[in-house]
């Protein structure tokens, strides 16, 4: 069993893993990790090596929203803000 971590330490861990693997730490936090997983991180029960393997596996599966019980792959939003208004007012 590891040592208890602070929220800032957990955020840094996710940031470091995200940078290393090439995925947004926010997506890891919101789509992969459940509240229980986050609590295990804080309690020191989730080793970094296991988390890295989990993130790589999740990434290979298409980054589904496991945290909310959904299994469809992640789809980035194609629609940029205000894109539907482009060209309006031009003659």
PDB file of N, CA and C in Angstrom:
ATOM      1  N   UNK A   1       0.850  -1.173   0.000  1.00  0.00           N
ATOM      2  CA  UNK A   1       0.000   0.000   0.000  1.00  0.00           C
ATOM      3  C   UNK A   1       0.895   1.235   0.000  1.00  0.00           C
ATOM      4  N   UNK A   2       0.603   2.203  -0.894  1.00  0.00           N
ATOM      5  CA  UNK A   2       1.400   3.422  -1.014  1.00  0.00           C
ATOM      6  C   UNK A   2       0.986   4.472  -0.009  1.00  0.00           C
ATOM      7  N   UNK A   3       1.647   5.608  -0.105  1.00  0.00           N
ATOM      8  CA  UNK A   3       1.336   6.698   0.814  1.00  0.00           C
ATOM      9  C   UNK A   3       0.180   7.533   0.283  1.00  0.00           C
ATOM     10  N   UNK A   4      -0.503   8.203   1.164  1.00  0.00           N
ATOM     11  CA  UNK A   4      -1.608   9.071   0.806  1.00  0.00           C
ATOM     12  C   UNK A   4      -1.088  10.253  -0.006  1.00  0.00           C
ATOM     13  N   UNK A   5      -1.828  10.598  -1.073  1.00  0.00           N
ATOM     14  CA  UNK A   5      -1.445  11.696  -1.943  1.00  0.00           C
ATOM     15  C   UNK A   5      -2.416  12.855  -1.806  1.00  0.00           C
ATOM     16  N   UNK A   6      -1.945  14.054  -2.134  1.00  0.00           N
ATOM     17  CA  UNK A   6      -2.828  15.223  -2.156  1.00  0.00           C
ATOM     18  C   UNK A   6      -3.492  15.307  -3.528  1.00  0.00           C
ATOM     19  N   UNK A   7      -4.501  16.133  -3.639  1.00  0.00           N
ATOM     20  CA  UNK A   7      -5.172  16.336  -4.924  1.00  0.00           C
ATOM     21  C   UNK A   7      -4.181  16.888  -5.948  1.00  0.00           C
ATOM     22  N   UNK A   8      -3.346  17.818  -5.522  1.00  0.00           N
ATOM     23  CA  UNK A   8      -2.347  18.407  -6.428  1.00  0.00           C
ATOM     24  C   UNK A   8      -1.365  17.336  -6.922  1.00  0.00           C
ATOM     25  N   UNK A   9      -0.940  16.442  -6.047  1.00  0.00           N
ATOM     26  CA  UNK A   9      -0.040  15.361  -6.458  1.00  0.00           C
ATOM     27  C   UNK A   9      -0.719  14.433  -7.460  1.00  0.00           C
ATOM     28  N   UNK A  10      -1.988  14.141  -7.251  1.00  0.00           N
ATOM     29  CA  UNK A  10      -2.736  13.289  -8.186  1.00  0.00           C
ATOM     30  C   UNK A  10      -2.891  13.985  -9.540  1.00  0.00           C
ATOM     31  N   UNK A  11      -3.182  15.282  -9.520  1.00  0.00           N
ATOM     32  CA  UNK A  11      -3.306  16.038 -10.764  1.00  0.00           C
ATOM     33  C   UNK A  11      -1.983  16.041 -11.525  1.00  0.00           C
ATOM     34  N   UNK A  12      -0.884  16.214 -10.797  1.00  0.00           N
ATOM     35  CA  UNK A  12       0.433  16.204 -11.435  1.00  0.00           C
ATOM     36  C   UNK A  12       0.729  14.829 -12.023  1.00  0.00           C
ATOM     37  N   UNK A  13       0.340  13.781 -11.318  1.00  0.00           N
ATOM     38  CA  UNK A  13       0.547  12.422 -11.810  1.00  0.00           C
ATOM     39  C   UNK A  13      -0.210  12.224 -13.129  1.00  0.00           C
ATOM     40  N   UNK A  14      -1.470  12.657 -13.175  1.00  0.00           N
ATOM     41  CA  UNK A  14      -2.256  12.532 -14.400  1.00  0.00           C
ATOM     42  C   UNK A  14      -1.664  13.383 -15.518  1.00  0.00           C
ATOM     43  N   UNK A  15      -1.186  14.576 -15.176  1.00  0.00           N
ATOM     44  CA  UNK A  15      -0.561  15.451 -16.161  1.00  0.00           C
ATOM     45  C   UNK A  15       0.684  14.789 -16.754  1.00  0.00           C
ATOM     46  N   UNK A  16       1.528  14.259 -15.885  1.00  0.00           N
ATOM     47  CA  UNK A  16       2.764  13.603 -16.342  1.00  0.00           C
ATOM     48  C   UNK A  16       2.467  12.394 -17.224  1.00  0.00           C
ATOM     49  N   UNK A  17       1.486  11.594 -16.831  1.00  0.00           N
ATOM     50  CA  UNK A  17       1.105  10.420 -17.627  1.00  0.00           C
ATOM     51  C   UNK A  17       0.529  10.858 -18.966  1.00  0.00           C
ATOM     52  N   UNK A  18      -0.328  11.872 -18.944  1.00  0.00           N
ATOM     53  CA  UNK A  18      -0.925  12.370 -20.178  1.00  0.00           C
ATOM     54  C   UNK A  18       0.119  12.878 -21.153  1.00  0.00           C
ATOM     55  N   UNK A  19       1.087  13.629 -20.647  1.00  0.00           N
ATOM     56  CA  UNK A  19       2.152  14.151 -21.500  1.00  0.00           C
ATOM     57  C   UNK A  19       2.998  13.005 -22.059  1.00  0.00           C
ATOM     58  N   UNK A  20       3.316  12.043 -21.208  1.00  0.00           N
ATOM     59  CA  UNK A  20       4.150  10.903 -21.621  1.00  0.00           C
ATOM     60  C   UNK A  20       3.474  10.088 -22.717  1.00  0.00           C
ATOM     61  N   UNK A  21       2.168   9.879 -22.597  1.00  0.00           N
ATOM     62  CA  UNK A  21       1.440   9.023 -23.526  1.00  0.00           C
ATOM     63  C   UNK A  21       0.848   9.820 -24.693  1.00  0.00           C
ATOM     64  N   UNK A  22       0.602  11.106 -24.475  1.00  0.00           N
ATOM     65  CA  UNK A  22       0.049  11.941 -25.533  1.00  0.00           C
ATOM     66  C   UNK A  22      -1.461  12.041 -25.521  1.00  0.00           C
ATOM     67  N   UNK A  23      -2.029  12.108 -24.335  1.00  0.00           N
ATOM     68  CA  UNK A  23      -3.479  12.247 -24.209  1.00  0.00           C
ATOM     69  C   UNK A  23      -3.764  13.300 -23.138  1.00  0.00           C
ATOM     70  N   UNK A  24      -4.866  14.001 -23.286  1.00  0.00           N
ATOM     71  CA  UNK A  24      -5.223  15.056 -22.354  1.00  0.00           C
ATOM     72  C   UNK A  24      -5.475  14.493 -20.948  1.00  0.00           C
ATOM     73  N   UNK A  25      -4.824  15.069 -19.936  1.00  0.00           N
ATOM     74  CA  UNK A  25      -5.077  14.630 -18.561  1.00  0.00           C
ATOM     75  C   UNK A  25      -6.544  14.802 -18.159  1.00  0.00           C
ATOM     76  N   UNK A  26      -7.199  15.815 -18.707  1.00  0.00           N
ATOM     77  CA  UNK A  26      -8.614  16.036 -18.397  1.00  0.00           C
ATOM     78  C   UNK A  26      -9.461  14.880 -18.908  1.00  0.00           C
ATOM     79  N   UNK A  27      -9.132  14.357 -20.105  1.00  0.00           N
ATOM     80  CA  UNK A  27      -9.873  13.204 -20.620  1.00  0.00           C
ATOM     81  C   UNK A  27      -9.640  11.973 -19.757  1.00  0.00           C
ATOM     82  N   UNK A  28      -8.426  11.791 -19.282  1.00  0.00           N
ATOM     83  CA  UNK A  28      -8.148  10.672 -18.384  1.00  0.00           C
ATOM     84  C   UNK A  28      -9.018  10.789 -17.137  1.00  0.00           C
ATOM     85  N   UNK A  29      -9.066  11.990 -16.591  1.00  0.00           N
ATOM     86  CA  UNK A  29      -9.807  12.229 -15.351  1.00  0.00           C
ATOM     87  C   UNK A  29     -11.315  12.093 -15.529  1.00  0.00           C
ATOM     88  N   UNK A  30     -11.834  12.566 -16.668  1.00  0.00           N
ATOM     89  CA  UNK A  30     -13.293  12.581 -16.832  1.00  0.00           C
ATOM     90  C   UNK A  30     -13.860  11.360 -17.529  1.00  0.00           C
ATOM     91  N   UNK A  31     -13.065  10.675 -18.356  1.00  0.00           N
ATOM     92  CA  UNK A  31     -13.587   9.551 -19.131  1.00  0.00           C
ATOM     93  C   UNK A  31     -13.102   8.183 -18.669  1.00  0.00           C
ATOM     94  N   UNK A  32     -11.933   8.135 -18.031  1.00  0.00           N
ATOM     95  CA  UNK A  32     -11.393   6.836 -17.610  1.00  0.00           C
ATOM     96  C   UNK A  32     -11.608   6.577 -16.128  1.00  0.00           C
ATOM     97  N   UNK A  33     -11.272   7.541 -15.296  1.00  0.00           N
ATOM     98  CA  UNK A  33     -11.264   7.317 -13.851  1.00  0.00           C
ATOM     99  C   UNK A  33     -12.616   7.611 -13.207  1.00  0.00           C
ATOM    100  N   UNK A  34     -13.129   6.629 -12.507  1.00  0.00           N
ATOM    101  CA  UNK A  34     -14.365   6.825 -11.744  1.00  0.00           C
ATOM    102  C   UNK A  34     -14.024   7.546 -10.438  1.00  0.00           C
ATOM    103  N   UNK A  35     -15.028   7.946  -9.717  1.00  0.00           N
ATOM    104  CA  UNK A  35     -14.798   8.583  -8.408  1.00  0.00           C
ATOM    105  C   UNK A  35     -14.057   7.640  -7.464  1.00  0.00           C
ATOM    106  N   UNK A  36     -14.366   6.352  -7.557  1.00  0.00           N
ATOM    107  CA  UNK A  36     -13.689   5.375  -6.712  1.00  0.00           C
ATOM    108  C   UNK A  36     -12.204   5.269  -7.081  1.00  0.00           C
ATOM    109  N   UNK A  37     -11.921   5.317  -8.388  1.00  0.00           N
ATOM    110  CA  UNK A  37     -10.520   5.285  -8.838  1.00  0.00           C
ATOM    111  C   UNK A  37      -9.756   6.497  -8.310  1.00  0.00           C
ATOM    112  N   UNK A  38     -10.397   7.644  -8.369  1.00  0.00           N
ATOM    113  CA  UNK A  38      -9.759   8.872  -7.881  1.00  0.00           C
ATOM    114  C   UNK A  38      -9.511   8.795  -6.376  1.00  0.00           C
ATOM    115  N   UNK A  39     -10.449   8.202  -5.654  1.00  0.00           N
ATOM    116  CA  UNK A  39     -10.274   8.031  -4.214  1.00  0.00           C
ATOM    117  C   UNK A  39      -9.132   7.058  -3.933  1.00  0.00           C
ATOM    118  N   UNK A  40      -9.030   6.008  -4.739  1.00  0.00           N
ATOM    119  CA  UNK A  40      -7.913   5.063  -4.596  1.00  0.00           C
ATOM    120  C   UNK A  40      -6.576   5.751  -4.868  1.00  0.00           C
ATOM    121  N   UNK A  41      -6.549   6.658  -5.833  1.00  0.00           N
ATOM    122  CA  UNK A  41      -5.324   7.427  -6.095  1.00  0.00           C
ATOM    123  C   UNK A  41      -4.938   8.244  -4.864  1.00  0.00           C
ATOM    124  N   UNK A  42      -5.925   8.945  -4.315  1.00  0.00           N
ATOM    125  CA  UNK A  42      -5.663   9.767  -3.125  1.00  0.00           C
ATOM    126  C   UNK A  42      -5.184   8.921  -1.958  1.00  0.00           C
ATOM    127  N   UNK A  43      -5.720   7.719  -1.839  1.00  0.00           N
ATOM    128  CA  UNK A  43      -5.355   6.827  -0.739  1.00  0.00           C
ATOM    129  C   UNK A  43      -4.032   6.097  -0.985  1.00  0.00           C
ATOM    130  N   UNK A  44      -3.490   6.245  -2.195  1.00  0.00           N
ATOM    131  CA  UNK A  44      -2.234   5.581  -2.515  1.00  0.00           C
ATOM    132  C   UNK A  44      -2.398   4.123  -2.896  1.00  0.00           C
ATOM    133  N   UNK A  45      -3.607   3.737  -3.275  1.00  0.00           N
ATOM    134  CA  UNK A  45      -3.876   2.335  -3.618  1.00  0.00           C
ATOM    135  C   UNK A  45      -3.752   2.036  -5.106  1.00  0.00           C
ATOM    136  N   UNK A  46      -3.531   3.058  -5.923  1.00  0.00           N
ATOM    137  CA  UNK A  46      -3.437   2.881  -7.365  1.00  0.00           C
ATOM    138  C   UNK A  46      -2.021   3.235  -7.818  1.00  0.00           C
ATOM    139  N   UNK A  47      -1.164   2.226  -7.987  1.00  0.00           N
ATOM    140  CA  UNK A  47       0.226   2.488  -8.378  1.00  0.00           C
ATOM    141  C   UNK A  47       0.321   3.156  -9.754  1.00  0.00           C
ATOM    142  N   UNK A  48       1.324   3.984  -9.925  1.00  0.00           N
ATOM    143  CA  UNK A  48       1.524   4.715 -11.170  1.00  0.00           C
ATOM    144  C   UNK A  48       1.663   3.755 -12.350  1.00  0.00           C
ATOM    145  N   UNK A  49       2.409   2.668 -12.170  1.00  0.00           N
ATOM    146  CA  UNK A  49       2.602   1.703 -13.259  1.00  0.00           C
ATOM    147  C   UNK A  49       1.269   1.126 -13.734  1.00  0.00           C
ATOM    148  N   UNK A  50       0.401   0.809 -12.801  1.00  0.00           N
ATOM    149  CA  UNK A  50      -0.920   0.269 -13.159  1.00  0.00           C
ATOM    150  C   UNK A  50      -1.755   1.318 -13.880  1.00  0.00           C
ATOM    151  N   UNK A  51      -1.643   2.555 -13.433  1.00  0.00           N
ATOM    152  CA  UNK A  51      -2.390   3.637 -14.068  1.00  0.00           C
ATOM    153  C   UNK A  51      -1.900   3.867 -15.499  1.00  0.00           C
ATOM    154  N   UNK A  52      -0.601   3.806 -15.719  1.00  0.00           N
ATOM    155  CA  UNK A  52      -0.040   3.972 -17.065  1.00  0.00           C
ATOM    156  C   UNK A  52      -0.543   2.864 -17.983  1.00  0.00           C
ATOM    157  N   UNK A  53      -0.518   1.629 -17.509  1.00  0.00           N
ATOM    158  CA  UNK A  53      -1.021   0.499 -18.305  1.00  0.00           C
ATOM    159  C   UNK A  53      -2.506   0.690 -18.605  1.00  0.00           C
ATOM    160  N   UNK A  54      -3.261   1.124 -17.606  1.00  0.00           N
ATOM    161  CA  UNK A  54      -4.690   1.371 -17.794  1.00  0.00           C
ATOM    162  C   UNK A  54      -4.959   2.455 -18.825  1.00  0.00           C
ATOM    163  N   UNK A  55      -4.187   3.535 -18.782  1.00  0.00           N
ATOM    164  CA  UNK A  55      -4.369   4.631 -19.736  1.00  0.00           C
ATOM    165  C   UNK A  55      -4.013   4.171 -21.148  1.00  0.00           C
ATOM    166  N   UNK A  56      -2.932   3.417 -21.289  1.00  0.00           N
ATOM    167  CA  UNK A  56      -2.549   2.923 -22.617  1.00  0.00           C
ATOM    168  C   UNK A  56      -3.604   1.977 -23.190  1.00  0.00           C
ATOM    169  N   UNK A  57      -4.146   1.124 -22.356  1.00  0.00           N
ATOM    170  CA  UNK A  57      -5.190   0.193 -22.791  1.00  0.00           C
ATOM    171  C   UNK A  57      -6.449   0.950 -23.182  1.00  0.00           C
ATOM    172  N   UNK A  58      -6.820   1.927 -22.361  1.00  0.00           N
ATOM    173  CA  UNK A  58      -7.986   2.770 -22.628  1.00  0.00           C
ATOM    174  C   UNK A  58      -7.806   3.542 -23.937  1.00  0.00           C
ATOM    175  N   UNK A  59      -6.606   4.072 -24.166  1.00  0.00           N
ATOM    176  CA  UNK A  59      -6.312   4.811 -25.396  1.00  0.00           C
ATOM    177  C   UNK A  59      -6.438   3.888 -26.612  1.00  0.00           C
ATOM    178  N   UNK A  60      -5.914   2.678 -26.498  1.00  0.00           N
ATOM    179  CA  UNK A  60      -5.984   1.707 -27.600  1.00  0.00           C
ATOM    180  C   UNK A  60      -7.434   1.301 -27.894  1.00  0.00           C
ATOM    181  N   UNK A  61      -8.295   1.367 -26.888  1.00  0.00           N
ATOM    182  CA  UNK A  61      -9.710   1.011 -27.057  1.00  0.00           C
ATOM    183  C   UNK A  61     -10.532   2.169 -27.626  1.00  0.00           C
ATOM    184  N   UNK A  62      -9.905   3.324 -27.865  1.00  0.00           N
ATOM    185  CA  UNK A  62     -10.629   4.457 -28.432  1.00  0.00           C
ATOM    186  C   UNK A  62     -11.104   5.478 -27.411  1.00  0.00           C
ATOM    187  N   UNK A  63     -10.590   5.420 -26.201  1.00  0.00           N
ATOM    188  CA  UNK A  63     -10.914   6.349 -25.106  1.00  0.00           C
ATOM    189  C   UNK A  63     -12.414   6.428 -24.789  1.00  0.00           C
ATOM    190  N   UNK A  64     -13.057   5.267 -24.582  1.00  0.00           N
ATOM    191  CA  UNK A  64     -14.475   5.310 -24.227  1.00  0.00           C
ATOM    192  C   UNK A  64     -14.688   5.963 -22.863  1.00  0.00           C
ATOM    193  N   UNK A  65     -15.913   6.337 -22.601  1.00  0.00           N
ATOM    194  CA  UNK A  65     -16.270   7.035 -21.364  1.00  0.00           C
ATOM    195  C   UNK A  65     -16.590   6.022 -20.263  1.00  0.00           C
ATOM    196  N   UNK A  66     -15.582   5.244 -19.870  1.00  0.00           N
ATOM    197  CA  UNK A  66     -15.773   4.214 -18.850  1.00  0.00           C
ATOM    198  C   UNK A  66     -16.241   4.793 -17.521  1.00  0.00           C
ATOM    199  N   UNK A  67     -15.810   5.997 -17.199  1.00  0.00           N
ATOM    200  CA  UNK A  67     -16.167   6.602 -15.916  1.00  0.00           C
ATOM    201  C   UNK A  67     -17.674   6.771 -15.776  1.00  0.00           C
ATOM    202  N   UNK A  68     -18.359   6.911 -16.901  1.00  0.00           N
ATOM    203  CA  UNK A  68     -19.813   7.093 -16.879  1.00  0.00           C
ATOM    204  C   UNK A  68     -20.556   5.905 -17.471  1.00  0.00           C
ATOM    205  N   UNK A  69     -19.865   4.761 -17.573  1.00  0.00           N
ATOM    206  CA  UNK A  69     -20.513   3.529 -18.006  1.00  0.00           C
ATOM    207  C   UNK A  69     -20.812   3.454 -19.489  1.00  0.00           C
ATOM    208  N   UNK A  70     -20.096   4.215 -20.312  1.00  0.00           N
ATOM    209  CA  UNK A  70     -20.333   4.203 -21.754  1.00  0.00           C
ATOM    210  C   UNK A  70     -19.127   3.571 -22.448  1.00  0.00           C
ATOM    211  N   UNK A  71     -19.379   2.887 -23.546  1.00  0.00           N
ATOM    212  CA  UNK A  71     -18.325   2.129 -24.205  1.00  0.00           C
ATOM    213  C   UNK A  71     -18.038   2.572 -25.639  1.00  0.00           C
ATOM    214  N   UNK A  72     -18.719   3.615 -26.112  1.00  0.00           N
ATOM    215  CA  UNK A  72     -18.460   4.121 -27.458  1.00  0.00           C
ATOM    216  C   UNK A  72     -17.148   4.887 -27.468  1.00  0.00           C
ATOM    217  N   UNK A  73     -16.379   4.771 -28.549  1.00  0.00           N
ATOM    218  CA  UNK A  73     -15.108   5.504 -28.632  1.00  0.00           C
ATOM    219  C   UNK A  73     -15.325   7.016 -28.584  1.00  0.00           C
ATOM    220  N   UNK A  74     -14.311   7.715 -28.145  1.00  0.00           N
ATOM    221  CA  UNK A  74     -14.335   9.170 -28.050  1.00  0.00           C
ATOM    222  C   UNK A  74     -14.380   9.791 -29.436  1.00  0.00           C
ATOM    223  N   UNK A  75     -15.223  10.799 -29.595  1.00  0.00           N
ATOM    224  CA  UNK A  75     -15.281  11.566 -30.835  1.00  0.00           C
ATOM    225  C   UNK A  75     -15.129  13.028 -30.476  1.00  0.00           C
ATOM    226  N   UNK A  76     -14.085  13.640 -31.001  1.00  0.00           N
ATOM    227  CA  UNK A  76     -13.878  15.063 -30.760  1.00  0.00           C
ATOM    228  C   UNK A  76     -14.946  15.852 -31.505  1.00  0.00           C
ATOM    229  N   UNK A  77     -15.290  16.996 -30.963  1.00  0.00           N
ATOM    230  CA  UNK A  77     -16.280  17.849 -31.604  1.00  0.00           C
ATOM    231  C   UNK A  77     -15.676  18.440 -32.871  1.00  0.00           C
ATOM    232  N   UNK A  78     -16.362  18.264 -33.999  1.00  0.00           N
ATOM    233  CA  UNK A  78     -15.895  18.818 -35.264  1.00  0.00           C
ATOM    234  C   UNK A  78     -16.289  20.282 -35.407  1.00  0.00           C
ATOM    235  N   UNK A  79     -17.422  20.618 -34.814  1.00  0.00           N
ATOM    236  CA  UNK A  79     -17.973  21.954 -34.968  1.00  0.00           C
ATOM    237  C   UNK A  79     -17.217  22.940 -34.086  1.00  0.00           C
ATOM    238  N   UNK A  80     -16.531  23.867 -34.708  1.00  0.00           N
ATOM    239  CA  UNK A  80     -15.831  24.901 -33.954  1.00  0.00           C
ATOM    240  C   UNK A  80     -16.827  25.987 -33.595  1.00  0.00           C
ATOM    241  N   UNK A  81     -16.632  26.643 -32.465  1.00  0.00           N
ATOM    242  CA  UNK A  81     -17.564  27.710 -32.083  1.00  0.00           C
ATOM    243  C   UNK A  81     -17.675  28.747 -33.187  1.00  0.00           C
ATOM    244  N   UNK A  82     -18.862  29.135 -33.461  1.00  0.00           N
ATOM    245  CA  UNK A  82     -19.190  30.174 -34.427  1.00  0.00           C
ATOM    246  C   UNK A  82     -18.959  29.749 -35.871  1.00  0.00           C
ATOM    247  N   UNK A  83     -18.611  28.502 -36.149  1.00  0.00           N
ATOM    248  CA  UNK A  83     -18.329  28.100 -37.529  1.00  0.00           C
ATOM    249  C   UNK A  83     -19.572  28.178 -38.405  1.00  0.00           C
ATOM    250  N   UNK A  84     -20.742  28.007 -37.810  1.00  0.00           N
ATOM    251  CA  UNK A  84     -21.945  28.068 -38.638  1.00  0.00           C
ATOM    252  C   UNK A  84     -22.247  29.480 -39.109  1.00  0.00           C
ATOM    253  N   UNK A  85     -21.606  30.476 -38.492  1.00  0.00           N
ATOM    254  CA  UNK A  85     -21.849  31.870 -38.871  1.00  0.00           C
ATOM    255  C   UNK A  85     -20.786  32.401 -39.821  1.00  0.00           C
ATOM    256  N   UNK A  86     -19.812  31.595 -40.175  1.00  0.00           N
ATOM    257  CA  UNK A  86     -18.778  32.045 -41.095  1.00  0.00           C
ATOM    258  C   UNK A  86     -19.384  32.407 -42.440  1.00  0.00           C
ATOM    259  N   UNK A  87     -18.932  33.493 -42.964  1.00  0.00           N
ATOM    260  CA  UNK A  87     -19.412  33.909 -44.276  1.00  0.00           C
ATOM    261  C   UNK A  87     -20.618  34.792 -44.219  1.00  0.00           C
ATOM    262  N   UNK A  88     -21.274  34.901 -43.059  1.00  0.00           N
ATOM    263  CA  UNK A  88     -22.449  35.764 -42.972  1.00  0.00           C
ATOM    264  C   UNK A  88     -21.995  37.221 -43.063  1.00  0.00           C
ATOM    265  N   UNK A  89     -22.692  37.981 -43.817  1.00  0.00           N
ATOM    266  CA  UNK A  89     -22.365  39.393 -43.951  1.00  0.00           C
ATOM    267  C   UNK A  89     -21.396  39.676 -45.074  1.00  0.00           C
ATOM    268  N   UNK A  90     -20.851  38.621 -45.672  1.00  0.00           N
ATOM    269  CA  UNK A  90     -19.942  38.813 -46.806  1.00  0.00           C
ATOM    270  C   UNK A  90     -20.765  38.910 -48.079  1.00  0.00           C
ATOM    271  N   UNK A  91     -20.278  39.698 -49.003  1.00  0.00           N
ATOM    272  CA  UNK A  91     -20.983  39.829 -50.273  1.00  0.00           C
ATOM    273  C   UNK A  91     -20.130  39.377 -51.386  1.00  0.00           C
TER     274      UNK A  91
END
